[in-house]
Every structure is written in structure tokens, then in C-alpha cells.
């Protein structure tokens, strides 16, 4: 564009060389070649600047591609992390389910059996009030539902339980062999026998629907007695039949 502009100017200058300059004519350059050299130098500078800009542009494009590549890699790592977190959560869930199943299975395994005296021999009773019998010689207590210190069985899970008790004593017309099964303070069944002499025994059993926390125990009736020795003659047992 600038070169095209100076060619007409050169013609005008050539034309006016033989004419007398008037105030209306623009001044003509003395050296057109100098102007061309100046324009050429300016164009060269522009070319250098363009090359520089192109190189810089290439660097920016390379950096952009690298950044995009890094972003893609970061996105992949994020996705892998999310996948691993999901798998970990799934494994934790399965682990919790296994623990719950094990606990549930453990709770469903309930059984106990115990005799009255842990050592020695002799009568328990008679007493002037009903007294809780504490069977101290425990041979089985799966689930730890029977309390050896209180003589109380506490249901760990809702279900049907079966209980049996077998008791005996030397015959005495004044004192019966008499034990009562209680559930939460309610009398359920009784084992009773009395005779004036010889050894006497009695027993009973019951299947009860118990809620979690229900308590079952045996009472020795007022003015009665029970005998036990190292042969473990008087016993109390119970177990879970099935859950409900």
C-alpha cells in the first residue's frame, strides 16, 4: 500500500521537475531510493516481529496442549479416585453386613444349664419368704444370657425359649420340694412334691415367647427346701428354640 502510494508521487515529482514550483504543489523527496530503503527496512522489521510472534504462538500452543494433556490426566486420576472410593464404600458396607450377620447368628445361639451348688452339699431353705434360686455351677452359658450372680436369665433376642428345672430333697413332711418359674415377676409354672421320708424329686418345663430384655428365674417357695451335692441333682436349664 505504501509503495503504491509513492509511485504516483514519483511521477508527479518527475512531471513537475521542469515546471516552476507553485505553493499548491507538495514538496517532492530528494531521494526516492532512500525512502524505498527505509520502507524495506521497516518491512524487514515487521517480518522479524511476525516470526517472533509466530514462535511465541507455537510456544503458547505447545503449553496449551501440555496443559490440556495434564488436565486429561488429572481427570483420569480423579475418576480413578472416585471409583476406588466407591469400591471402598461397597467393601465397608459388605463388611458391616458380615459383622451384623455374625452378631445376629451369635445372638441366636442361646443355651444355658446349671446346678444349684458349685461345691459341697446341703439344703437351701427353708425361708419364710420366696427366694430367688441362684444356680451357681454353670456348665453351659452360650450367649451369656444367664447371670451366675443373680440366677436371672435375660432374653437377648425376641423368640421362643424352653426352660426346664429338676429339683429334689430328703423327704420331710413339714417342708415340701417346691420351686416356681417366673417371667417378669409373673408366676408361670410350678414343680412341687412333698413326702415324709426318703429322697423326693420334682420337675417341670415351659416354652415361653420372650421379648428382648424379658427375665426368667426360679423362686424357692416359702417354707420349702431344695438339696444339691457334687452329683448336681438340682438343675435349671434353658435354650432358644427359634427367633420371632
Protein backbone atom coordinates (compact mmCIF):
# COMPACT_ATOMS: atom_id res chain seq x y z
CA UNK A 1 0.00 0.00 0.00
CA UNK A 2 2.76 2.48 0.92
CA UNK A 3 4.81 1.56 -2.19
CA UNK A 4 1.82 2.06 -4.42
CA UNK A 5 1.34 5.46 -2.82
CA UNK A 6 4.90 6.58 -3.60
CA UNK A 7 4.86 5.59 -7.30
CA UNK A 8 2.33 8.27 -8.27
CA UNK A 9 4.28 10.66 -6.12
CA UNK A 10 7.40 9.85 -8.13
CA UNK A 11 5.54 10.61 -11.36
CA UNK A 12 4.29 13.87 -10.00
CA UNK A 13 7.78 14.83 -8.98
CA UNK A 14 9.10 13.91 -12.47
CA UNK A 15 6.40 15.92 -14.12
CA UNK A 16 6.96 18.97 -12.04
CA UNK A 17 10.70 18.92 -12.40
CA UNK A 18 10.52 21.17 -15.49
CA UNK A 19 7.78 23.36 -14.03
CA UNK A 20 8.13 26.18 -11.69
CA UNK A 21 7.01 25.08 -8.21
CA UNK A 22 3.86 26.71 -7.04
CA UNK A 23 2.78 26.98 -3.44
CA UNK A 24 -0.04 24.46 -4.12
CA UNK A 25 2.33 21.56 -5.07
CA UNK A 26 3.61 19.27 -2.26
CA UNK A 27 7.36 19.08 -1.72
CA UNK A 28 8.97 16.17 -3.55
CA UNK A 29 11.52 13.87 -1.86
CA UNK A 30 15.04 14.45 -2.99
CA UNK A 31 15.96 10.75 -2.81
CA UNK A 32 13.25 8.19 -3.66
CA UNK A 33 15.72 5.35 -3.18
CA UNK A 34 16.27 6.42 0.39
CA UNK A 35 12.56 6.25 1.03
CA UNK A 36 12.39 2.80 -0.56
CA UNK A 37 15.30 1.64 1.58
CA UNK A 38 13.54 2.94 4.66
CA UNK A 39 10.32 1.14 3.72
CA UNK A 40 12.23 -2.08 3.02
CA UNK A 41 13.94 -1.88 6.38
CA UNK A 42 10.58 -1.32 8.08
CA UNK A 43 9.10 -4.30 6.25
CA UNK A 44 12.01 -6.46 7.35
CA UNK A 45 11.44 -5.41 10.91
CA UNK A 46 7.78 -6.35 10.57
CA UNK A 47 8.76 -9.76 9.20
CA UNK A 48 11.06 -10.33 12.15
CA UNK A 49 8.31 -9.31 14.53
CA UNK A 50 5.87 -11.64 12.78
CA UNK A 51 8.34 -14.54 13.05
CA UNK A 52 8.80 -13.75 16.72
CA UNK A 53 5.06 -13.68 17.26
CA UNK A 54 4.67 -16.97 15.39
CA UNK A 55 7.35 -18.60 17.51
CA UNK A 56 5.71 -17.27 20.63
CA UNK A 57 2.39 -18.54 19.34
CA UNK A 58 3.87 -22.00 18.79
CA UNK A 59 5.17 -22.00 22.37
CA UNK A 60 1.75 -20.99 23.67
CA UNK A 61 0.07 -23.72 21.61
CA UNK A 62 2.56 -26.28 22.95
CA UNK A 63 1.95 -25.13 26.52
CA UNK A 64 -1.80 -25.24 25.93
CA UNK A 65 -1.57 -28.81 24.61
CA UNK A 66 0.58 -29.78 27.59
CA UNK A 67 -1.91 -28.18 29.98
CA UNK A 68 -4.79 -29.98 28.27
CA UNK A 69 -2.86 -33.23 28.47
CA UNK A 70 -2.23 -32.66 32.19
CA UNK A 71 -5.90 -31.79 32.69
CA UNK A 72 -6.90 -35.03 30.98
CA UNK A 73 -4.51 -36.96 33.20
CA UNK A 74 -5.88 -35.20 36.29
CA UNK A 75 -9.43 -36.02 35.22
CA UNK A 76 -8.44 -39.67 34.82
CA UNK A 77 -6.85 -39.70 38.27
CA UNK A 78 -9.96 -38.07 39.75
CA UNK A 79 -12.16 -40.71 38.12
CA UNK A 80 -9.92 -43.50 39.41
CA UNK A 81 -10.09 -41.96 42.88
CA UNK A 82 -13.89 -41.82 42.71
CA UNK A 83 -14.00 -45.45 41.53
CA UNK A 84 -11.72 -46.55 44.36
CA UNK A 85 -13.80 -44.59 46.89
CA UNK A 86 -16.97 -46.27 45.61
CA UNK A 87 -15.37 -49.73 45.85
CA UNK A 88 -14.09 -48.95 49.34
CA UNK A 89 -17.57 -47.84 50.42
CA UNK A 90 -19.02 -51.02 48.93
CA UNK A 91 -16.47 -53.15 50.78
CA UNK A 92 -17.19 -51.31 54.03
CA UNK A 93 -20.91 -51.96 53.52
CA UNK A 94 -20.26 -55.66 52.92
CA UNK A 95 -18.02 -55.74 55.98
CA UNK A 96 -20.75 -54.18 58.11
CA UNK A 97 -23.29 -56.67 56.77
CA UNK A 98 -20.98 -59.57 57.59
CA UNK A 99 -20.44 -58.24 61.12
CA UNK A 100 -24.20 -57.83 61.58
CA UNK A 101 -24.85 -61.35 60.31
CA UNK A 102 -22.20 -62.76 62.62
CA UNK A 103 -23.68 -60.84 65.53
CA UNK A 104 -27.19 -61.98 64.64
CA UNK A 105 -26.00 -65.58 64.39
CA UNK A 106 -24.22 -65.24 67.72
CA UNK A 107 -27.34 -63.82 69.35
CA UNK A 108 -29.41 -66.72 68.00
CA UNK A 109 -27.14 -69.20 69.77
CA UNK A 110 -28.50 -69.14 73.32
CA UNK A 111 -28.42 -72.01 75.82
CA UNK A 112 -27.54 -72.48 79.47
CA UNK A 113 -27.52 -75.24 82.05
CA UNK A 114 -26.53 -75.03 85.72
CA UNK A 115 -26.86 -76.89 89.01
CA UNK A 116 -27.61 -75.29 92.37
CA UNK A 117 -24.34 -75.74 94.28
CA UNK A 118 -20.91 -75.10 92.87
CA UNK A 119 -19.26 -77.11 95.64
CA UNK A 120 -20.15 -79.05 98.79
CA UNK A 121 -23.61 -80.39 99.61
CA UNK A 122 -26.66 -79.45 101.65
CA UNK A 123 -30.08 -77.90 101.70
CA UNK A 124 -31.07 -74.45 100.57
CA UNK A 125 -34.05 -73.27 102.64
CA UNK A 126 -36.48 -73.29 104.18
CA UNK A 127 -37.07 -69.49 104.23
CA UNK A 128 -40.04 -67.50 105.47
CA UNK A 129 -40.36 -65.70 102.11
CA UNK A 130 -40.00 -66.67 98.45
CA UNK A 131 -36.33 -66.59 97.50
CA UNK A 132 -34.63 -66.47 94.11
CA UNK A 133 -32.63 -69.62 93.45
CA UNK A 134 -29.14 -68.94 92.14
CA UNK A 135 -27.74 -71.93 90.27
CA UNK A 136 -24.00 -71.44 90.65
CA UNK A 137 -22.44 -74.44 88.93
CA UNK A 138 -22.74 -73.39 85.28
CA UNK A 139 -21.77 -75.98 82.70
CA UNK A 140 -23.16 -74.18 79.64
CA UNK A 141 -23.90 -70.50 79.07
CA UNK A 142 -23.80 -69.86 75.33
CA UNK A 143 -24.72 -66.25 74.68
CA UNK A 144 -24.17 -65.33 78.37
CA UNK A 145 -27.89 -64.77 78.87
CA UNK A 146 -27.87 -66.47 82.30
CA UNK A 147 -26.41 -64.39 85.14
CA UNK A 148 -24.49 -66.59 87.59
CA UNK A 149 -24.61 -63.84 90.25
CA UNK A 150 -28.37 -63.25 90.24
CA UNK A 151 -29.82 -66.50 88.87
CA UNK A 152 -31.75 -64.49 86.27
CA UNK A 153 -31.98 -65.35 82.57
CA UNK A 154 -32.41 -62.30 80.30
CA UNK A 155 -33.60 -62.83 76.71
CA UNK A 156 -31.13 -61.30 74.23
CA UNK A 157 -33.47 -61.66 71.23
CA UNK A 158 -37.21 -62.00 70.64
CA UNK A 159 -38.12 -65.65 70.30
CA UNK A 160 -39.47 -68.83 71.85
CA UNK A 161 -37.37 -70.29 74.66
CA UNK A 162 -37.71 -73.58 76.51
CA UNK A 163 -36.89 -73.94 80.22
CA UNK A 164 -36.67 -76.99 82.50
CA UNK A 165 -35.94 -77.37 86.18
CA UNK A 166 -35.35 -80.55 88.18
CA UNK A 167 -35.11 -80.32 91.96
CA UNK A 168 -35.01 -82.70 94.92
CA UNK A 169 -34.54 -83.02 98.68
CA UNK A 170 -34.73 -85.50 101.51
CA UNK A 171 -38.34 -86.28 102.47
CA UNK A 172 -39.79 -84.03 105.15
CA UNK A 173 -43.48 -83.75 105.92
CA UNK A 174 -43.00 -80.18 107.14
CA UNK A 175 -41.08 -78.86 104.15
CA UNK A 176 -42.01 -79.52 100.53
CA UNK A 177 -39.74 -79.51 97.48
CA UNK A 178 -41.28 -76.53 95.75
CA UNK A 179 -39.91 -74.23 93.01
CA UNK A 180 -41.78 -71.75 90.80
CA UNK A 181 -40.88 -70.40 87.35
CA UNK A 182 -41.36 -66.62 86.94
CA UNK A 183 -41.38 -64.43 83.85
CA UNK A 184 -41.03 -60.71 84.57
CA UNK A 185 -42.48 -61.23 88.05
CA UNK A 186 -45.39 -63.35 86.78
CA UNK A 187 -45.73 -66.90 88.06
CA UNK A 188 -45.79 -69.34 85.14
CA UNK A 189 -45.41 -72.99 86.26
CA UNK A 190 -44.66 -74.86 89.47
CA UNK A 191 -42.70 -78.00 90.39
CA UNK A 192 -43.95 -79.39 93.73
CA UNK A 193 -43.63 -82.57 95.79
CA UNK A 194 -43.77 -83.46 99.47
CA UNK A 195 -43.31 -86.74 101.33
CA UNK A 196 -42.33 -87.60 104.90
CA UNK A 197 -39.24 -89.69 104.15
CA UNK A 198 -36.73 -90.86 101.55
CA UNK A 199 -35.40 -88.70 98.76
CA UNK A 200 -38.00 -86.86 96.69
CA UNK A 201 -37.71 -85.14 93.32
CA UNK A 202 -39.94 -82.99 91.12
CA UNK A 203 -39.57 -81.21 87.81
CA UNK A 204 -41.37 -79.15 85.20
CA UNK A 205 -40.79 -77.28 81.96
CA UNK A 206 -42.20 -74.45 79.86
CA UNK A 207 -41.81 -72.89 76.41
CA UNK A 208 -42.19 -69.10 76.53
CA UNK A 209 -42.32 -66.32 73.98
CA UNK A 210 -39.91 -63.69 75.26
CA UNK A 211 -39.22 -60.17 74.11
CA UNK A 212 -35.71 -58.71 74.27
CA UNK A 213 -34.94 -57.99 77.92
CA UNK A 214 -37.61 -60.28 79.41
CA UNK A 215 -36.39 -62.05 82.54
CA UNK A 216 -36.96 -65.64 83.67
CA UNK A 217 -35.94 -67.12 87.04
CA UNK A 218 -36.87 -69.70 89.67
CA UNK A 219 -38.16 -68.98 93.15
CA UNK A 220 -37.92 -71.33 96.11
CA UNK A 221 -41.37 -71.22 97.72
CA UNK A 222 -41.89 -70.14 101.32
CA UNK A 223 -41.12 -72.85 103.92
CA UNK A 224 -39.74 -75.23 101.28
CA UNK A 225 -36.28 -76.57 100.61
CA UNK A 226 -34.03 -77.91 97.86
CA UNK A 227 -30.97 -80.17 98.11
CA UNK A 228 -27.85 -80.44 95.97
CA UNK A 229 -24.38 -82.01 96.17
CA UNK A 230 -21.40 -82.78 93.95
CA UNK A 231 -23.63 -85.05 91.85
CA UNK A 232 -25.57 -81.92 90.80
CA UNK A 233 -29.06 -83.23 91.49
CA UNK A 234 -30.97 -79.94 91.25
CA UNK A 235 -30.66 -78.14 87.93
CA UNK A 236 -32.05 -75.26 85.85
CA UNK A 237 -31.67 -75.15 82.05
CA UNK A 238 -32.96 -73.17 79.08
CA UNK A 239 -32.33 -72.53 75.41
CA UNK A 240 -33.64 -70.59 72.43
CA UNK A 241 -35.83 -72.71 70.14
CA UNK A 242 -36.30 -70.14 67.37
CA UNK A 243 -36.46 -66.38 66.88
CA UNK A 244 -39.63 -64.47 66.08
